[in-house]
């Protein structure tokens, strides 16, 4: 089996991927042969259906789609706002995004993969299914599915091609092994979460982001986790009990029948995203080559 990575920053890190993807195609020998890019996900700024993170990408959606089609990569719109009502469904910007990206699996430039929606709201799910029928759907990790039976129920929902459990289920190996192969193929693990493993406010944190995306004047959510003031550190994420590293993927998850792995990071800088691409996809002896190629592009602002 091959591992498929679902990478952050469809709109947010367009310029980085514009440099990285040609290198990935031209020098495939730089990268592990047991993995590939399954999708790139994200949402532009001022997208009220968005959730998880407040989007800041400003790049032209048509150019974003063109880049994804050029490399045969599925584009996923992150529409995981948990507080949507029917009054939000006619939003002009979000509907235009759907119109642009609803290209279908049979489009010759989609290479059979089509584009997806990462989603929370069943109201929005029904609306998109009715009006833009060619998308596939991913059940968002913002649902915070920490109970394995609830997660299994979500896997059994036919409308979802993939389901992203809460990262605290990543090492529930006895339950994971017991899943059917069909269920395993729908699991998409969140690999590099830095959030405190004992956090009880994760859902409240996501709800605050949802309110901000809706333009509501709401109180800020202040994380009370130990060392929260440090922000995201990859080294800290690696120490998280739920962390899934390269060796875990190769030696544990792939042999168990799992093949989909999500990398978080839409709210981080492109320099950090590059570190994820190096760690998860690039052979150690070639990491310097990838770094040099990216860093020496003076048009790319990594910091």
Protein backbone atom coordinates (compact mmCIF):
# COMPACT_ATOMS: atom_id res chain seq x y z
CA UNK A 1 0.00 0.00 0.00
CA UNK A 2 0.98 3.62 -0.52
CA UNK A 3 0.54 6.50 1.92
CA UNK A 4 -1.40 9.49 0.66
CA UNK A 5 -0.79 12.85 2.33
CA UNK A 6 -3.45 15.52 2.53
CA UNK A 7 -1.53 18.78 2.74
CA UNK A 8 -2.51 22.20 4.14
CA UNK A 9 -2.74 25.53 2.37
CA UNK A 10 -4.58 25.28 -0.95
CA UNK A 11 -5.00 29.06 -1.04
CA UNK A 12 -2.77 30.01 1.87
CA UNK A 13 0.48 28.53 0.47
CA UNK A 14 -0.13 28.63 -3.26
CA UNK A 15 3.26 30.22 -3.94
CA UNK A 16 5.08 27.48 -2.03
CA UNK A 17 3.29 24.69 -3.90
CA UNK A 18 3.89 26.49 -7.18
CA UNK A 19 7.62 25.95 -6.54
CA UNK A 20 7.43 22.58 -4.79
CA UNK A 21 5.19 20.66 -7.19
CA UNK A 22 7.42 21.05 -10.29
CA UNK A 23 10.37 19.88 -8.19
CA UNK A 24 8.33 16.94 -6.90
CA UNK A 25 7.51 15.90 -10.46
CA UNK A 26 10.96 16.49 -11.98
CA UNK A 27 13.01 14.91 -9.19
CA UNK A 28 10.83 12.11 -7.91
CA UNK A 29 14.02 10.36 -6.77
CA UNK A 30 14.29 12.98 -4.00
CA UNK A 31 11.12 11.64 -2.39
CA UNK A 32 9.98 8.39 -0.78
CA UNK A 33 8.42 6.04 -3.30
CA UNK A 34 5.93 4.72 -0.75
CA UNK A 35 4.01 8.00 -0.48
CA UNK A 36 2.24 10.52 -2.69
CA UNK A 37 0.09 13.65 -2.45
CA UNK A 38 -3.59 12.79 -2.05
CA UNK A 39 -4.96 16.32 -1.86
CA UNK A 40 -4.25 19.89 -0.83
CA UNK A 41 -6.89 21.59 1.30
CA UNK A 42 -7.75 25.08 2.47
CA UNK A 43 -10.08 28.06 2.25
CA UNK A 44 -9.55 31.68 1.18
CA UNK A 45 -9.96 34.72 3.38
CA UNK A 46 -13.48 35.93 4.22
CA UNK A 47 -15.04 32.52 3.62
CA UNK A 48 -17.97 32.22 6.02
CA UNK A 49 -18.37 28.48 5.47
CA UNK A 50 -14.79 27.99 6.60
CA UNK A 51 -13.76 26.54 9.94
CA UNK A 52 -10.86 24.98 11.79
CA UNK A 53 -8.67 27.99 11.06
CA UNK A 54 -9.42 31.54 9.95
CA UNK A 55 -8.39 31.54 6.29
CA UNK A 56 -5.99 34.14 4.97
CA UNK A 57 -5.31 32.96 1.41
CA UNK A 58 -5.91 35.60 -1.24
CA UNK A 59 -4.91 33.82 -4.43
CA UNK A 60 -7.26 33.64 -7.41
CA UNK A 61 -9.31 30.41 -7.09
CA UNK A 62 -9.13 29.77 -10.84
CA UNK A 63 -5.32 29.88 -10.72
CA UNK A 64 -5.33 27.59 -7.68
CA UNK A 65 -7.53 25.09 -9.53
CA UNK A 66 -5.32 25.31 -12.61
CA UNK A 67 -2.23 24.41 -10.55
CA UNK A 68 -3.96 21.43 -8.95
CA UNK A 69 -5.20 20.15 -12.31
CA UNK A 70 -1.76 20.54 -13.86
CA UNK A 71 -0.40 18.07 -11.29
CA UNK A 72 -3.47 15.86 -11.00
CA UNK A 73 -4.04 16.70 -7.33
CA UNK A 74 -7.43 16.77 -5.65
CA UNK A 75 -8.34 20.21 -4.28
CA UNK A 76 -10.36 20.25 -1.06
CA UNK A 77 -12.35 23.25 0.13
CA UNK A 78 -12.34 23.47 3.93
CA UNK A 79 -15.96 24.27 4.77
CA UNK A 80 -15.94 23.01 8.36
CA UNK A 81 -17.83 25.83 10.07
CA UNK A 82 -19.85 24.19 12.85
CA UNK A 83 -22.41 27.00 13.35
CA UNK A 84 -23.98 27.41 9.92
CA UNK A 85 -27.72 27.92 9.49
CA UNK A 86 -29.86 27.94 6.36
CA UNK A 87 -29.47 31.72 6.13
CA UNK A 88 -25.75 31.27 5.42
CA UNK A 89 -26.23 28.94 2.45
CA UNK A 90 -26.77 31.61 -0.27
CA UNK A 91 -23.37 33.22 0.46
CA UNK A 92 -22.11 34.47 -2.89
CA UNK A 93 -18.38 33.88 -2.37
CA UNK A 94 -18.72 30.32 -1.10
CA UNK A 95 -21.14 29.35 -3.84
CA UNK A 96 -18.78 30.78 -6.45
CA UNK A 97 -15.95 28.66 -5.01
CA UNK A 98 -18.15 25.59 -5.34
CA UNK A 99 -19.04 26.48 -8.91
CA UNK A 100 -15.35 26.82 -9.85
CA UNK A 101 -14.13 23.63 -8.15
CA UNK A 102 -17.10 21.38 -8.97
CA UNK A 103 -15.37 19.81 -11.99
CA UNK A 104 -16.27 16.16 -11.53
CA UNK A 105 -14.13 13.02 -11.52
CA UNK A 106 -14.54 12.49 -15.27
CA UNK A 107 -13.04 15.84 -16.21
CA UNK A 108 -9.90 14.98 -18.20
CA UNK A 109 -7.79 17.32 -16.08
CA UNK A 110 -9.01 15.93 -12.75
CA UNK A 111 -7.40 12.57 -13.57
CA UNK A 112 -10.18 10.61 -11.95
CA UNK A 113 -9.86 12.06 -8.46
CA UNK A 114 -12.23 15.01 -8.47
CA UNK A 115 -12.34 17.68 -5.78
CA UNK A 116 -13.62 17.45 -2.23
CA UNK A 117 -15.24 19.33 0.62
CA UNK A 118 -14.09 19.03 4.23
CA UNK A 119 -17.31 19.55 6.12
CA UNK A 120 -18.95 19.69 9.53
CA UNK A 121 -22.53 20.86 8.99
CA UNK A 122 -25.16 18.42 7.72
CA UNK A 123 -27.18 21.44 6.57
CA UNK A 124 -24.31 22.47 4.30
CA UNK A 125 -23.66 18.87 3.27
CA UNK A 126 -27.23 18.48 1.97
CA UNK A 127 -27.07 21.85 0.21
CA UNK A 128 -23.83 21.09 -1.62
CA UNK A 129 -24.94 17.57 -2.58
CA UNK A 130 -28.05 19.05 -4.19
CA UNK A 131 -26.43 21.99 -5.96
CA UNK A 132 -22.87 20.82 -6.69
CA UNK A 133 -23.13 17.04 -7.10
CA UNK A 134 -19.58 16.23 -8.22
CA UNK A 135 -17.76 16.84 -4.93
CA UNK A 136 -16.74 14.10 -2.52
CA UNK A 137 -16.95 14.77 1.22
CA UNK A 138 -14.57 14.49 4.16
CA UNK A 139 -15.93 14.49 7.71
CA UNK A 140 -13.94 17.15 9.53
CA UNK A 141 -11.74 16.61 12.57
CA UNK A 142 -13.47 19.70 14.03
CA UNK A 143 -16.26 17.33 15.08
CA UNK A 144 -13.78 16.16 17.76
CA UNK A 145 -14.69 12.48 17.50
CA UNK A 146 -12.91 11.09 20.56
CA UNK A 147 -15.34 8.24 21.27
CA UNK A 148 -14.44 5.29 19.04
CA UNK A 149 -18.03 4.10 18.65
CA UNK A 150 -19.08 7.57 17.42
CA UNK A 151 -16.11 7.58 15.06
CA UNK A 152 -17.12 4.16 13.73
CA UNK A 153 -20.66 5.40 13.15
CA UNK A 154 -19.23 8.27 11.14
CA UNK A 155 -17.18 5.82 9.05
CA UNK A 156 -20.40 3.98 8.24
CA UNK A 157 -22.04 7.08 6.75
CA UNK A 158 -22.10 6.56 2.99
CA UNK A 159 -21.87 10.28 2.17
CA UNK A 160 -18.28 10.48 3.42
CA UNK A 161 -15.33 9.22 1.40
CA UNK A 162 -13.00 9.98 4.34
CA UNK A 163 -13.41 10.66 8.05
CA UNK A 164 -10.77 12.46 10.16
CA UNK A 165 -10.94 11.32 13.80
CA UNK A 166 -9.67 13.36 16.69
CA UNK A 167 -5.91 12.86 17.03
CA UNK A 168 -6.43 11.17 20.40
CA UNK A 169 -7.75 8.08 18.60
CA UNK A 170 -4.56 7.73 16.56
CA UNK A 171 -3.09 5.05 18.80
CA UNK A 172 -6.28 3.11 19.58
CA UNK A 173 -4.75 0.13 17.82
CA UNK A 174 -7.01 -2.62 19.13
CA UNK A 175 -10.10 -0.80 17.84
CA UNK A 176 -8.40 0.31 14.64
CA UNK A 177 -7.28 -3.22 13.78
CA UNK A 178 -10.85 -4.46 14.21
CA UNK A 179 -12.21 -2.17 11.49
CA UNK A 180 -13.13 -3.67 8.14
CA UNK A 181 -10.83 -2.89 5.22
CA UNK A 182 -13.53 -0.67 3.71
CA UNK A 183 -13.64 1.33 6.95
CA UNK A 184 -9.85 1.51 7.12
CA UNK A 185 -9.73 3.00 3.64
CA UNK A 186 -11.96 5.84 4.85
CA UNK A 187 -9.83 6.76 7.89
CA UNK A 188 -7.67 9.85 7.50
CA UNK A 189 -5.35 10.33 10.49
CA UNK A 190 -4.30 13.79 11.66
CA UNK A 191 -0.56 13.27 12.10
CA UNK A 192 1.11 16.37 13.52
CA UNK A 193 -1.27 17.94 16.02
CA UNK A 194 0.44 20.05 18.66
CA UNK A 195 -2.64 20.52 20.85
CA UNK A 196 -2.40 19.25 24.43
CA UNK A 197 -3.47 15.59 24.54
CA UNK A 198 -5.57 16.26 27.61
CA UNK A 199 -7.41 19.27 26.16
CA UNK A 200 -11.12 19.45 26.97
CA UNK A 201 -11.79 22.75 25.17
CA UNK A 202 -10.98 21.70 21.60
CA UNK A 203 -14.57 21.96 20.41
CA UNK A 204 -14.97 25.41 22.00
CA UNK A 205 -11.78 26.53 20.24
CA UNK A 206 -13.19 25.45 16.86
CA UNK A 207 -16.51 27.16 17.62
CA UNK A 208 -14.68 30.43 18.23
CA UNK A 209 -13.05 30.12 14.80
CA UNK A 210 -16.46 29.41 13.28
CA UNK A 211 -17.89 32.56 14.88
CA UNK A 212 -14.99 34.64 13.59
CA UNK A 213 -15.50 33.33 10.06
CA UNK A 214 -19.15 34.32 10.32
CA UNK A 215 -18.05 37.83 11.28
CA UNK A 216 -19.49 37.65 14.77
CA UNK A 217 -18.10 39.81 17.55
CA UNK A 218 -17.18 37.08 20.00
CA UNK A 219 -14.82 36.66 22.95
CA UNK A 220 -11.39 35.26 22.15
CA UNK A 221 -10.73 31.68 23.14
CA UNK A 222 -7.65 31.49 25.34
CA UNK A 223 -5.98 28.11 25.46
CA UNK A 224 -5.25 26.92 29.01
CA UNK A 225 -2.99 24.04 27.99
CA UNK A 226 0.52 23.82 29.46
CA UNK A 227 3.03 25.85 27.38
CA UNK A 228 0.19 27.22 25.22
CA UNK A 229 2.10 30.49 24.86
CA UNK A 230 4.76 28.76 22.77
CA UNK A 231 2.43 28.37 19.83
CA UNK A 232 2.95 25.59 17.32
CA UNK A 233 6.30 23.82 17.48
CA UNK A 234 6.94 20.77 15.31
CA UNK A 235 9.36 19.45 17.92
CA UNK A 236 6.57 19.71 20.48
CA UNK A 237 4.11 17.97 18.15
CA UNK A 238 6.57 15.09 17.80
CA UNK A 239 6.35 14.53 21.56
CA UNK A 240 2.55 14.38 21.51
CA UNK A 241 1.19 10.89 22.36
CA UNK A 242 -0.98 11.12 19.23
CA UNK A 243 1.86 12.03 16.86
CA UNK A 244 2.24 9.88 13.75
CA UNK A 245 5.73 9.98 12.27
CA UNK A 246 7.30 8.55 9.16
CA UNK A 247 8.35 5.30 10.84
CA UNK A 248 4.85 4.88 12.30
CA UNK A 249 3.30 5.23 8.85
CA UNK A 250 5.71 2.78 7.19
CA UNK A 251 5.91 0.17 9.93
CA UNK A 252 2.53 0.31 11.65
CA UNK A 253 -0.27 2.05 9.75
CA UNK A 254 0.42 0.88 6.19
CA UNK A 255 0.78 -2.78 7.24
CA UNK A 256 -2.50 -2.45 9.16
CA UNK A 257 -4.27 -1.31 5.98
CA UNK A 258 -4.45 2.46 6.51
CA UNK A 259 -3.25 4.81 3.78
CA UNK A 260 -4.54 8.37 4.36
CA UNK A 261 -2.73 10.91 6.51
CA UNK A 262 -3.57 14.56 7.07
CA UNK A 263 -0.92 17.18 7.82
CA UNK A 264 -2.21 20.23 9.65
CA UNK A 265 -0.73 23.71 9.32
CA UNK A 266 -3.00 26.19 7.48
CA UNK A 267 -2.45 28.75 10.20
CA UNK A 268 1.35 28.44 10.17
CA UNK A 269 3.99 29.97 7.91
CA UNK A 270 5.20 28.49 4.65
CA UNK A 271 8.63 27.78 6.18
CA UNK A 272 6.94 25.38 8.62
CA UNK A 273 4.98 23.74 5.80
CA UNK A 274 8.26 23.17 3.99
CA UNK A 275 9.58 21.38 7.08
CA UNK A 276 6.55 19.08 6.99
CA UNK A 277 7.18 18.34 3.29
CA UNK A 278 10.80 17.56 4.08
CA UNK A 279 10.07 15.34 7.07
CA UNK A 280 7.12 13.37 5.71
CA UNK A 281 8.01 13.09 2.03
CA UNK A 282 11.68 13.75 1.34
CA UNK A 283 14.56 11.30 1.67
CA UNK A 284 17.08 12.66 4.22
CA UNK A 285 19.98 12.82 1.74
CA UNK A 286 17.94 15.02 -0.60
CA UNK A 287 16.39 17.39 1.93
CA UNK A 288 19.15 19.94 1.40
CA UNK A 289 18.42 19.92 -2.34
CA UNK A 290 14.76 20.70 -1.74
CA UNK A 291 15.60 23.40 0.82
CA UNK A 292 18.07 25.06 -1.53
CA UNK A 293 15.61 25.05 -4.40
CA UNK A 294 12.90 26.66 -2.30
CA UNK A 295 15.09 29.07 -0.33
CA UNK A 296 16.92 30.33 -3.39
CA UNK A 297 13.69 31.46 -5.00
CA UNK A 298 13.84 35.13 -4.05
CA UNK A 299 10.22 35.64 -5.01
CA UNK A 300 8.97 33.34 -2.26
CA UNK A 301 8.43 34.83 1.19
CA UNK A 302 8.97 31.94 3.60
CA UNK A 303 8.94 33.90 6.83
